[in-house]
Every structure is written in structure tokens, then in C-alpha cells.
N, C-alpha and C. Protein backbone atom coordinates (compact mmCIF):
# COMPACT_ATOMS: atom_id res chain seq x y z
N MET A 1 0.83 -1.18 0.00
CA MET A 1 0.00 0.00 0.00
C MET A 1 0.88 1.25 0.00
N ALA A 2 0.51 2.16 -0.86
CA ALA A 2 1.23 3.43 -0.92
C ALA A 2 0.59 4.39 0.07
N ASP A 3 1.37 5.36 0.51
CA ASP A 3 0.80 6.33 1.44
C ASP A 3 -0.12 7.29 0.68
N ALA A 4 -0.94 8.01 1.42
CA ALA A 4 -1.98 8.85 0.82
C ALA A 4 -1.39 9.97 -0.03
N ALA A 5 -0.26 10.51 0.38
CA ALA A 5 0.35 11.59 -0.39
C ALA A 5 0.81 11.08 -1.77
N ARG A 6 1.38 9.90 -1.81
CA ARG A 6 1.83 9.34 -3.09
C ARG A 6 0.64 9.02 -3.99
N VAL A 7 -0.44 8.48 -3.40
CA VAL A 7 -1.64 8.18 -4.18
C VAL A 7 -2.19 9.46 -4.78
N ARG A 8 -2.20 10.53 -4.00
CA ARG A 8 -2.70 11.81 -4.49
C ARG A 8 -1.82 12.35 -5.62
N LYS A 9 -0.51 12.23 -5.49
CA LYS A 9 0.41 12.70 -6.54
C LYS A 9 0.21 11.91 -7.82
N VAL A 10 0.05 10.60 -7.70
CA VAL A 10 -0.18 9.76 -8.88
C VAL A 10 -1.49 10.13 -9.54
N ALA A 11 -2.52 10.36 -8.76
CA ALA A 11 -3.82 10.74 -9.32
C ALA A 11 -3.72 12.08 -10.04
N ASP A 12 -3.01 13.03 -9.46
CA ASP A 12 -2.84 14.34 -10.12
C ASP A 12 -2.07 14.20 -11.43
N ARG A 13 -1.03 13.38 -11.43
CA ARG A 13 -0.24 13.18 -12.64
C ARG A 13 -1.07 12.51 -13.73
N ILE A 14 -1.90 11.55 -13.34
CA ILE A 14 -2.78 10.89 -14.32
C ILE A 14 -3.77 11.90 -14.89
N GLN A 15 -4.34 12.74 -14.05
CA GLN A 15 -5.31 13.73 -14.52
C GLN A 15 -4.66 14.69 -15.52
N GLN A 16 -3.47 15.17 -15.22
CA GLN A 16 -2.78 16.09 -16.12
C GLN A 16 -2.43 15.41 -17.44
N THR A 17 -1.96 14.18 -17.37
CA THR A 17 -1.57 13.46 -18.58
C THR A 17 -2.76 13.19 -19.48
N VAL A 18 -3.86 12.72 -18.90
CA VAL A 18 -5.05 12.41 -19.69
C VAL A 18 -5.62 13.69 -20.30
N ALA A 19 -5.66 14.77 -19.55
CA ALA A 19 -6.16 16.04 -20.08
C ALA A 19 -5.30 16.51 -21.24
N ARG A 20 -3.98 16.39 -21.12
CA ARG A 20 -3.08 16.79 -22.20
C ARG A 20 -3.29 15.92 -23.44
N LEU A 21 -3.49 14.60 -23.23
CA LEU A 21 -3.72 13.70 -24.36
C LEU A 21 -5.04 14.01 -25.06
N LEU A 22 -6.07 14.25 -24.32
CA LEU A 22 -7.36 14.55 -24.92
C LEU A 22 -7.35 15.87 -25.67
N GLN A 23 -6.53 16.77 -25.21
CA GLN A 23 -6.46 18.08 -25.84
C GLN A 23 -5.69 18.04 -27.15
N GLY A 24 -4.66 17.23 -27.23
CA GLY A 24 -3.81 17.32 -28.42
C GLY A 24 -3.60 16.04 -29.20
N ARG A 25 -3.42 14.92 -28.54
CA ARG A 25 -2.96 13.73 -29.24
C ARG A 25 -4.10 12.87 -29.79
N ILE A 26 -5.19 12.77 -29.11
CA ILE A 26 -6.30 11.92 -29.55
C ILE A 26 -7.18 12.74 -30.49
N LYS A 27 -7.32 12.27 -31.71
CA LYS A 27 -8.03 13.01 -32.75
C LYS A 27 -9.33 12.33 -33.17
N ASP A 28 -9.98 11.63 -32.28
CA ASP A 28 -11.22 10.92 -32.60
C ASP A 28 -12.34 11.96 -32.82
N PRO A 29 -13.06 11.90 -33.96
CA PRO A 29 -14.13 12.87 -34.19
C PRO A 29 -15.33 12.69 -33.24
N ARG A 30 -15.46 11.52 -32.62
CA ARG A 30 -16.56 11.28 -31.68
C ARG A 30 -16.33 11.97 -30.34
N LEU A 31 -15.10 12.38 -30.10
CA LEU A 31 -14.74 13.00 -28.84
C LEU A 31 -15.33 14.40 -28.76
N GLY A 32 -16.18 14.62 -27.76
CA GLY A 32 -16.83 15.92 -27.59
C GLY A 32 -16.01 16.82 -26.70
N PHE A 33 -16.66 17.84 -26.16
CA PHE A 33 -16.01 18.78 -25.27
C PHE A 33 -15.90 18.13 -23.90
N VAL A 34 -14.75 17.52 -23.59
CA VAL A 34 -14.55 16.70 -22.40
C VAL A 34 -13.73 17.46 -21.37
N THR A 35 -14.13 17.31 -20.10
CA THR A 35 -13.37 17.85 -18.98
C THR A 35 -13.11 16.71 -18.00
N ILE A 36 -11.86 16.53 -17.63
CA ILE A 36 -11.50 15.53 -16.63
C ILE A 36 -11.70 16.19 -15.26
N THR A 37 -12.68 15.69 -14.51
CA THR A 37 -13.02 16.32 -13.24
C THR A 37 -12.27 15.73 -12.05
N ASP A 38 -11.99 14.43 -12.08
CA ASP A 38 -11.35 13.80 -10.92
C ASP A 38 -10.72 12.49 -11.35
N VAL A 39 -9.70 12.08 -10.61
CA VAL A 39 -9.07 10.76 -10.80
C VAL A 39 -8.93 10.15 -9.42
N ARG A 40 -9.39 8.92 -9.31
CA ARG A 40 -9.24 8.20 -8.04
C ARG A 40 -8.40 6.95 -8.30
N VAL A 41 -7.39 6.79 -7.47
CA VAL A 41 -6.46 5.67 -7.60
C VAL A 41 -6.56 4.83 -6.34
N THR A 42 -6.55 3.51 -6.51
CA THR A 42 -6.60 2.62 -5.35
C THR A 42 -5.29 2.74 -4.57
N GLY A 43 -5.31 2.29 -3.32
CA GLY A 43 -4.15 2.40 -2.45
C GLY A 43 -2.94 1.63 -2.95
N ASP A 44 -3.16 0.56 -3.71
CA ASP A 44 -2.03 -0.22 -4.23
C ASP A 44 -1.57 0.28 -5.61
N LEU A 45 -2.14 1.37 -6.08
CA LEU A 45 -1.79 2.01 -7.36
C LEU A 45 -2.01 1.09 -8.56
N GLN A 46 -2.94 0.15 -8.46
CA GLN A 46 -3.18 -0.79 -9.55
C GLN A 46 -4.35 -0.38 -10.45
N GLN A 47 -5.29 0.41 -9.93
CA GLN A 47 -6.45 0.80 -10.72
C GLN A 47 -6.71 2.28 -10.55
N ALA A 48 -7.07 2.90 -11.69
CA ALA A 48 -7.39 4.33 -11.67
C ALA A 48 -8.74 4.52 -12.35
N THR A 49 -9.61 5.26 -11.68
CA THR A 49 -10.90 5.61 -12.26
C THR A 49 -10.84 7.08 -12.61
N ILE A 50 -11.10 7.38 -13.88
CA ILE A 50 -11.03 8.76 -14.36
C ILE A 50 -12.45 9.24 -14.57
N PHE A 51 -12.82 10.30 -13.85
CA PHE A 51 -14.16 10.87 -13.96
C PHE A 51 -14.11 12.04 -14.94
N TYR A 52 -15.10 12.08 -15.82
CA TYR A 52 -15.13 13.12 -16.84
C TYR A 52 -16.55 13.62 -17.04
N THR A 53 -16.66 14.82 -17.58
CA THR A 53 -17.95 15.38 -17.96
C THR A 53 -17.86 15.77 -19.43
N VAL A 54 -19.02 15.77 -20.07
CA VAL A 54 -19.10 16.14 -21.47
C VAL A 54 -20.15 17.23 -21.59
N TYR A 55 -19.77 18.32 -22.22
CA TYR A 55 -20.72 19.40 -22.46
C TYR A 55 -21.46 19.07 -23.75
N GLY A 56 -22.76 18.86 -23.64
CA GLY A 56 -23.55 18.58 -24.83
C GLY A 56 -24.73 17.68 -24.52
N THR A 57 -25.23 17.04 -25.56
CA THR A 57 -26.42 16.20 -25.45
C THR A 57 -26.06 14.79 -24.99
N ASP A 58 -27.08 13.98 -24.77
CA ASP A 58 -26.84 12.59 -24.37
C ASP A 58 -26.15 11.81 -25.48
N GLU A 59 -26.47 12.12 -26.72
CA GLU A 59 -25.82 11.43 -27.85
C GLU A 59 -24.33 11.75 -27.89
N GLU A 60 -23.97 13.00 -27.63
CA GLU A 60 -22.56 13.38 -27.59
C GLU A 60 -21.85 12.70 -26.43
N ARG A 61 -22.55 12.51 -25.31
CA ARG A 61 -21.96 11.81 -24.17
C ARG A 61 -21.66 10.35 -24.52
N GLU A 62 -22.61 9.70 -25.21
CA GLU A 62 -22.40 8.30 -25.62
C GLU A 62 -21.26 8.18 -26.62
N ASP A 63 -21.18 9.12 -27.59
CA ASP A 63 -20.09 9.09 -28.56
C ASP A 63 -18.75 9.31 -27.89
N THR A 64 -18.71 10.21 -26.92
CA THR A 64 -17.46 10.47 -26.20
C THR A 64 -17.05 9.25 -25.38
N ALA A 65 -18.02 8.57 -24.76
CA ALA A 65 -17.70 7.35 -23.99
C ALA A 65 -17.11 6.29 -24.91
N ALA A 66 -17.67 6.15 -26.10
CA ALA A 66 -17.14 5.17 -27.07
C ALA A 66 -15.72 5.57 -27.50
N ALA A 67 -15.48 6.85 -27.72
CA ALA A 67 -14.14 7.30 -28.13
C ALA A 67 -13.13 7.06 -27.01
N LEU A 68 -13.52 7.30 -25.78
CA LEU A 68 -12.60 7.07 -24.66
C LEU A 68 -12.31 5.58 -24.49
N ARG A 69 -13.33 4.73 -24.67
CA ARG A 69 -13.09 3.28 -24.58
C ARG A 69 -12.11 2.82 -25.66
N SER A 70 -12.23 3.37 -26.86
CA SER A 70 -11.32 2.94 -27.93
C SER A 70 -9.91 3.48 -27.73
N ALA A 71 -9.74 4.60 -27.01
CA ALA A 71 -8.42 5.18 -26.80
C ALA A 71 -7.80 4.78 -25.46
N THR A 72 -8.43 3.87 -24.73
CA THR A 72 -7.94 3.50 -23.40
C THR A 72 -6.53 2.94 -23.45
N GLY A 73 -6.21 2.11 -24.41
CA GLY A 73 -4.87 1.52 -24.51
C GLY A 73 -3.80 2.57 -24.72
N LEU A 74 -4.02 3.50 -25.64
CA LEU A 74 -3.08 4.57 -25.88
C LEU A 74 -2.91 5.45 -24.64
N ILE A 75 -4.01 5.76 -24.00
CA ILE A 75 -3.96 6.60 -22.80
C ILE A 75 -3.19 5.89 -21.69
N ARG A 76 -3.41 4.59 -21.53
CA ARG A 76 -2.73 3.86 -20.46
C ARG A 76 -1.22 3.81 -20.72
N SER A 77 -0.82 3.60 -21.96
CA SER A 77 0.61 3.56 -22.25
C SER A 77 1.27 4.92 -22.00
N GLU A 78 0.60 6.01 -22.36
CA GLU A 78 1.14 7.35 -22.10
C GLU A 78 1.18 7.65 -20.60
N VAL A 79 0.17 7.20 -19.86
CA VAL A 79 0.16 7.40 -18.41
C VAL A 79 1.32 6.63 -17.79
N GLY A 80 1.60 5.41 -18.28
CA GLY A 80 2.73 4.62 -17.77
C GLY A 80 4.05 5.32 -17.99
N ARG A 81 4.23 5.93 -19.17
CA ARG A 81 5.47 6.68 -19.44
C ARG A 81 5.57 7.90 -18.52
N ALA A 82 4.45 8.59 -18.32
CA ALA A 82 4.48 9.81 -17.52
C ALA A 82 4.72 9.52 -16.04
N LEU A 83 4.20 8.40 -15.55
CA LEU A 83 4.34 8.08 -14.13
C LEU A 83 5.72 7.54 -13.79
N GLY A 84 6.24 6.70 -14.64
CA GLY A 84 7.56 6.12 -14.38
C GLY A 84 7.57 5.15 -13.22
N ILE A 85 6.47 4.49 -12.94
CA ILE A 85 6.43 3.50 -11.86
C ILE A 85 6.45 2.11 -12.48
N ARG A 86 6.72 1.12 -11.65
CA ARG A 86 6.90 -0.24 -12.14
C ARG A 86 5.64 -0.80 -12.81
N LEU A 87 4.50 -0.65 -12.19
CA LEU A 87 3.25 -1.15 -12.75
C LEU A 87 2.34 0.02 -13.11
N THR A 88 1.87 0.01 -14.34
CA THR A 88 0.95 1.05 -14.79
C THR A 88 -0.47 0.66 -14.36
N PRO A 89 -1.19 1.57 -13.72
CA PRO A 89 -2.54 1.22 -13.28
C PRO A 89 -3.50 1.01 -14.46
N SER A 90 -4.43 0.09 -14.27
CA SER A 90 -5.47 -0.07 -15.29
C SER A 90 -6.39 1.14 -15.20
N ILE A 91 -6.97 1.52 -16.34
CA ILE A 91 -7.73 2.76 -16.41
C ILE A 91 -9.17 2.46 -16.75
N ALA A 92 -10.08 3.10 -16.04
CA ALA A 92 -11.51 3.01 -16.33
C ALA A 92 -12.07 4.42 -16.36
N PHE A 93 -12.87 4.71 -17.38
CA PHE A 93 -13.50 6.03 -17.49
C PHE A 93 -14.92 5.95 -16.94
N GLN A 94 -15.28 6.95 -16.15
CA GLN A 94 -16.60 7.01 -15.52
C GLN A 94 -17.18 8.40 -15.75
N LEU A 95 -18.39 8.45 -16.33
CA LEU A 95 -19.06 9.73 -16.52
C LEU A 95 -19.40 10.30 -15.15
N ASP A 96 -18.98 11.52 -14.90
CA ASP A 96 -19.19 12.16 -13.60
C ASP A 96 -20.62 12.69 -13.53
N THR A 97 -21.35 12.27 -12.51
CA THR A 97 -22.74 12.69 -12.34
C THR A 97 -22.87 13.93 -11.48
N LEU A 98 -21.76 14.47 -11.02
CA LEU A 98 -21.79 15.64 -10.15
C LEU A 98 -22.49 16.84 -10.79
N PRO A 99 -22.24 17.19 -12.04
CA PRO A 99 -22.96 18.34 -12.62
C PRO A 99 -24.47 18.11 -12.70
N THR A 100 -24.89 16.88 -12.98
CA THR A 100 -26.32 16.58 -13.03
C THR A 100 -26.94 16.71 -11.65
N GLN A 101 -26.25 16.18 -10.64
CA GLN A 101 -26.74 16.29 -9.27
C GLN A 101 -26.76 17.74 -8.81
N ALA A 102 -25.75 18.50 -9.18
CA ALA A 102 -25.70 19.91 -8.80
C ALA A 102 -26.87 20.66 -9.44
N GLN A 103 -27.19 20.34 -10.68
CA GLN A 103 -28.31 20.99 -11.34
C GLN A 103 -29.63 20.63 -10.65
N ALA A 104 -29.78 19.37 -10.23
CA ALA A 104 -30.99 18.95 -9.52
C ALA A 104 -31.11 19.70 -8.19
N PHE A 105 -29.98 19.88 -7.48
CA PHE A 105 -30.00 20.64 -6.23
C PHE A 105 -30.36 22.10 -6.49
N GLU A 106 -29.80 22.67 -7.54
CA GLU A 106 -30.11 24.07 -7.88
C GLU A 106 -31.59 24.23 -8.20
N ASP A 107 -32.17 23.27 -8.93
CA ASP A 107 -33.60 23.31 -9.24
C ASP A 107 -34.44 23.22 -7.98
N ALA A 108 -34.07 22.32 -7.07
CA ALA A 108 -34.81 22.18 -5.82
C ALA A 108 -34.72 23.45 -4.98
N LEU A 109 -33.55 24.07 -4.92
CA LEU A 109 -33.39 25.33 -4.19
C LEU A 109 -34.20 26.45 -4.83
N ALA A 110 -34.25 26.49 -6.15
CA ALA A 110 -35.05 27.52 -6.83
C ALA A 110 -36.54 27.34 -6.53
N GLN A 111 -37.01 26.10 -6.51
CA GLN A 111 -38.40 25.84 -6.17
C GLN A 111 -38.70 26.26 -4.73
N ALA A 112 -37.81 25.95 -3.81
CA ALA A 112 -38.01 26.33 -2.41
C ALA A 112 -38.00 27.85 -2.27
N ARG A 113 -37.11 28.52 -2.99
CA ARG A 113 -37.05 29.98 -2.95
C ARG A 113 -38.34 30.58 -3.48
N ALA A 114 -38.89 30.00 -4.57
CA ALA A 114 -40.15 30.49 -5.14
C ALA A 114 -41.30 30.29 -4.15
N ARG A 115 -41.34 29.13 -3.47
CA ARG A 115 -42.38 28.90 -2.47
C ARG A 115 -42.26 29.86 -1.30
N ASP A 116 -41.04 30.14 -0.86
CA ASP A 116 -40.83 31.09 0.23
C ASP A 116 -41.31 32.49 -0.17
N GLU A 117 -41.04 32.89 -1.41
CA GLU A 117 -41.49 34.21 -1.87
C GLU A 117 -43.01 34.25 -1.95
N GLN A 118 -43.63 33.16 -2.38
CA GLN A 118 -45.09 33.09 -2.46
C GLN A 118 -45.70 33.21 -1.06
N ILE A 119 -45.14 32.52 -0.09
CA ILE A 119 -45.63 32.59 1.28
C ILE A 119 -45.43 34.00 1.83
N ALA A 120 -44.31 34.61 1.53
CA ALA A 120 -44.05 35.97 2.00
C ALA A 120 -45.05 36.95 1.40
N ARG A 121 -45.40 36.79 0.12
CA ARG A 121 -46.41 37.65 -0.50
C ARG A 121 -47.78 37.42 0.13
N THR A 122 -48.10 36.17 0.47
CA THR A 122 -49.39 35.86 1.07
C THR A 122 -49.54 36.53 2.44
N TYR A 123 -48.50 36.52 3.22
CA TYR A 123 -48.56 37.06 4.57
C TYR A 123 -48.10 38.51 4.66
N ALA A 124 -47.88 39.16 3.54
CA ALA A 124 -47.38 40.54 3.56
C ALA A 124 -48.39 41.49 4.19
N GLY A 125 -49.68 41.35 3.90
CA GLY A 125 -50.68 42.25 4.45
C GLY A 125 -51.34 41.74 5.70
N ALA A 126 -50.90 40.64 6.22
CA ALA A 126 -51.54 40.04 7.40
C ALA A 126 -51.21 40.84 8.65
N THR A 127 -52.15 40.83 9.59
CA THR A 127 -51.93 41.49 10.87
C THR A 127 -52.06 40.46 11.98
N TYR A 128 -51.58 40.84 13.14
CA TYR A 128 -51.63 39.94 14.27
C TYR A 128 -53.05 39.88 14.82
N ALA A 129 -53.43 38.76 15.41
CA ALA A 129 -54.74 38.60 16.01
C ALA A 129 -54.86 39.46 17.27
N GLY A 130 -53.79 39.60 17.99
CA GLY A 130 -53.77 40.43 19.20
C GLY A 130 -52.76 41.54 18.99
N ASP A 131 -52.03 41.85 20.04
CA ASP A 131 -50.97 42.84 19.92
C ASP A 131 -49.83 42.26 19.11
N ALA A 132 -49.07 43.12 18.48
CA ALA A 132 -47.91 42.65 17.72
C ALA A 132 -46.88 42.01 18.64
N ASP A 133 -46.75 42.55 19.86
CA ASP A 133 -45.82 42.01 20.85
C ASP A 133 -46.62 41.71 22.11
N PRO A 134 -47.00 40.46 22.34
CA PRO A 134 -47.88 40.14 23.45
C PRO A 134 -47.18 40.08 24.81
N TYR A 135 -45.89 40.30 24.87
CA TYR A 135 -45.16 40.14 26.12
C TYR A 135 -45.05 41.47 26.87
N ARG A 136 -44.95 41.36 28.18
CA ARG A 136 -44.75 42.54 29.02
C ARG A 136 -43.28 42.91 29.00
N HIS A 137 -43.04 44.18 29.08
CA HIS A 137 -41.67 44.68 29.11
C HIS A 137 -41.47 45.49 30.39
N ALA A 138 -40.26 45.58 30.89
CA ALA A 138 -39.93 46.23 32.15
C ALA A 138 -40.20 47.74 32.08
N ASP A 139 -40.05 48.34 30.92
CA ASP A 139 -40.21 49.79 30.82
C ASP A 139 -41.68 50.22 30.73
N GLU A 140 -42.59 49.29 30.58
CA GLU A 140 -44.01 49.62 30.49
C GLU A 140 -44.63 49.63 31.89
N GLU A 141 -45.69 50.42 32.05
CA GLU A 141 -46.40 50.47 33.32
C GLU A 141 -47.22 49.20 33.45
N ASP A 142 -47.14 48.56 34.60
CA ASP A 142 -47.79 47.27 34.79
C ASP A 142 -49.05 47.46 35.62
N ASP A 143 -50.21 47.36 34.99
CA ASP A 143 -51.48 47.54 35.68
C ASP A 143 -51.76 46.39 36.65
N TYR A 144 -51.39 45.21 36.30
CA TYR A 144 -51.71 44.04 37.11
C TYR A 144 -50.91 44.00 38.40
N ALA A 145 -49.69 44.42 38.37
CA ALA A 145 -48.84 44.39 39.55
C ALA A 145 -49.36 45.35 40.63
N ALA A 146 -49.90 46.47 40.21
CA ALA A 146 -50.42 47.44 41.17
C ALA A 146 -51.61 46.87 41.92
N GLU A 147 -52.44 46.12 41.24
CA GLU A 147 -53.61 45.52 41.88
C GLU A 147 -53.20 44.42 42.86
N ASP A 148 -52.15 43.67 42.55
CA ASP A 148 -51.72 42.57 43.41
C ASP A 148 -51.06 43.07 44.69
N ASP A 149 -50.46 44.27 44.66
CA ASP A 149 -49.76 44.77 45.82
C ASP A 149 -50.71 45.22 46.94
N GLU A 150 -51.91 45.61 46.60
CA GLU A 150 -52.86 46.09 47.60
C GLU A 150 -53.46 44.91 48.34
N PRO A 151 -53.63 45.04 49.68
CA PRO A 151 -54.25 43.93 50.42
C PRO A 151 -55.73 43.81 50.04
N GLN A 152 -56.20 42.61 50.01
CA GLN A 152 -57.59 42.35 49.66
C GLN A 152 -58.48 42.60 50.87
N ALA A 153 -59.53 43.36 50.67
CA ALA A 153 -60.48 43.62 51.75
C ALA A 153 -61.49 42.49 51.79
N VAL A 154 -61.83 42.04 53.00
CA VAL A 154 -62.79 40.94 53.17
C VAL A 154 -64.17 41.56 53.30
N ASP A 155 -65.03 41.15 52.43
CA ASP A 155 -66.42 41.64 52.46
C ASP A 155 -67.15 41.04 53.65
N ASP A 156 -68.17 41.73 54.12
CA ASP A 156 -69.01 41.17 55.18
C ASP A 156 -69.75 39.95 54.67
N ALA A 157 -70.07 39.92 53.37
CA ALA A 157 -70.80 38.78 52.80
C ALA A 157 -69.91 37.54 52.82
N ASP A 158 -68.62 37.72 52.53
CA ASP A 158 -67.69 36.58 52.56
C ASP A 158 -67.55 36.06 53.98
N LYS A 159 -67.52 36.98 54.96
CA LYS A 159 -67.38 36.59 56.35
C LYS A 159 -68.61 35.80 56.80
N ASP A 160 -69.79 36.25 56.37
CA ASP A 160 -71.03 35.55 56.73
C ASP A 160 -71.06 34.16 56.14
N ASP A 161 -70.59 34.01 54.88
CA ASP A 161 -70.57 32.69 54.24
C ASP A 161 -69.66 31.74 55.00
N TYR A 162 -68.52 32.23 55.47
CA TYR A 162 -67.58 31.40 56.20
C TYR A 162 -68.16 30.95 57.53
N GLU A 163 -68.81 31.87 58.20
CA GLU A 163 -69.36 31.55 59.51
C GLU A 163 -70.58 30.66 59.43
N ALA A 164 -71.24 30.66 58.28
CA ALA A 164 -72.45 29.85 58.13
C ALA A 164 -72.12 28.36 58.10
N VAL A 165 -70.93 28.03 57.76
CA VAL A 165 -70.54 26.62 57.68
C VAL A 165 -70.09 26.19 59.06
N ASP A 166 -70.58 25.05 59.52
CA ASP A 166 -70.21 24.52 60.83
C ASP A 166 -68.91 23.74 60.66
N HIS A 167 -67.80 24.33 61.06
CA HIS A 167 -66.50 23.72 60.85
C HIS A 167 -66.19 22.65 61.87
N ASP A 168 -66.88 22.60 62.97
CA ASP A 168 -66.60 21.62 64.00
C ASP A 168 -67.07 20.23 63.58
N ASP A 169 -68.10 20.15 62.76
CA ASP A 169 -68.64 18.85 62.34
C ASP A 169 -67.87 18.24 61.16
N TYR A 170 -66.96 18.96 60.61
CA TYR A 170 -66.27 18.49 59.41
C TYR A 170 -65.23 17.46 59.76
N GLU A 171 -65.27 16.30 59.08
CA GLU A 171 -64.25 15.26 59.23
C GLU A 171 -63.75 14.90 57.85
N PRO A 172 -62.47 14.71 57.71
CA PRO A 172 -61.94 14.34 56.39
C PRO A 172 -62.47 12.99 55.95
N ALA A 173 -62.46 12.74 54.63
CA ALA A 173 -62.98 11.50 54.07
C ALA A 173 -62.14 10.31 54.51
N GLU A 174 -60.85 10.48 54.73
CA GLU A 174 -60.00 9.37 55.15
C GLU A 174 -60.38 8.85 56.52
N ALA A 175 -60.80 9.74 57.40
CA ALA A 175 -61.22 9.32 58.73
C ALA A 175 -62.48 8.46 58.66
N ASP A 176 -63.37 8.79 57.73
CA ASP A 176 -64.58 8.00 57.57
C ASP A 176 -64.25 6.58 57.11
N GLU A 177 -63.31 6.45 56.19
CA GLU A 177 -62.95 5.13 55.68
C GLU A 177 -62.26 4.29 56.76
N GLU A 178 -61.43 4.90 57.60
CA GLU A 178 -60.74 4.16 58.63
C GLU A 178 -61.73 3.65 59.68
N GLU A 179 -62.74 4.48 60.02
CA GLU A 179 -63.75 4.07 61.00
C GLU A 179 -64.60 2.92 60.43
N ALA A 180 -64.87 2.96 59.14
CA ALA A 180 -65.69 1.93 58.53
C ALA A 180 -64.93 0.62 58.48
N GLY A 181 -63.65 0.67 58.29
CA GLY A 181 -62.84 -0.55 58.21
C GLY A 181 -62.55 -1.15 59.57
N ALA A 182 -62.65 -0.43 60.67
CA ALA A 182 -62.28 -0.90 62.00
C ALA A 182 -63.37 -1.64 62.71
């Protein structure tokens, strides 16, 4: 196993070599506007996966894939010369789906943004059911606190109601149950 730094250097060298070959040496008419986006190399440096994107239609993508498959041998031999290592890694081309996924994410974000704007327009003229700020603040005069600070006066009617009840005859319900059980 090679260390991570060496694997990264090999991957970078492969990416540069393949990009240079596609730009100048490979003259296949099926080859479209290709960009090498990433190269991943296994830890033992035996296999390299080259990710690419093609600007154009699906038909151009298929033609480019066919052109890359036919040029794989030439590309591998040039990569072997450029790397100068004992074993040249086998090469596989993989269409990179990152731009397609990024476009799907951008579409989803645009839809969410449009829904947010629609909701904002809907609630633009709305008003609160009560006060805009229903909470009490320290700097405001508090009507309720002033009422609570004053002692409550006992009405004569309340006093009469209390005295009308015979409190001496009252026994809790638990005492009744204990007497019944004994």
C-alpha cells in the first residue's frame, strides 16, 4: 500500500496526462467537449478511475464514452510513461454525475425559494390577532402588579358565608374510611 500523499500525486499526474492527451494527441471525431473532473487511484496504485464530464447532449456523451473506450490503450501507455512507476494502473472512465446532481440541487433550491417568496407575499398584508408584541416589558407600566400589591379587603358577605358553615362537624374522608374498616 502506498501512502496517501503518493496516491494523491499519482492521481494528479494521471489527470494532467489524460487532459493533455485529450487536448492534443487523440483526434477521434466522436470525442466531444470533455473535462477531466477527478481521478481516483486505489491504495495499491493498480487501478485508476477517471471521472469526466461532457458538455452537450446525451448522444454526444455516448459518442465520447465510445471514443474514450477505444483510446484507453493509448492513454494507459502514455500514463505509464508519464508516471515512471513499475506497474501502470489499469484505467476506467466514468461519466461524472456531479454536474447533473448539482443541477438537480439548484432546481430544488429555486423551487423552495419560489415557495418562500409566495408565502411571504401571502402574509405581507396580514396582521396579528392580538398585539404585535404580546409580552410585558420592564419599561411599560404594569397595571396588574399594582392591583396585586394592595391587600384584599374581606367583604361582610364573605365573612357571613364562612361563619355559616359549621367547621366543627367536618371530618376528612380518610377518617370516615378508617372508621368503617375498624
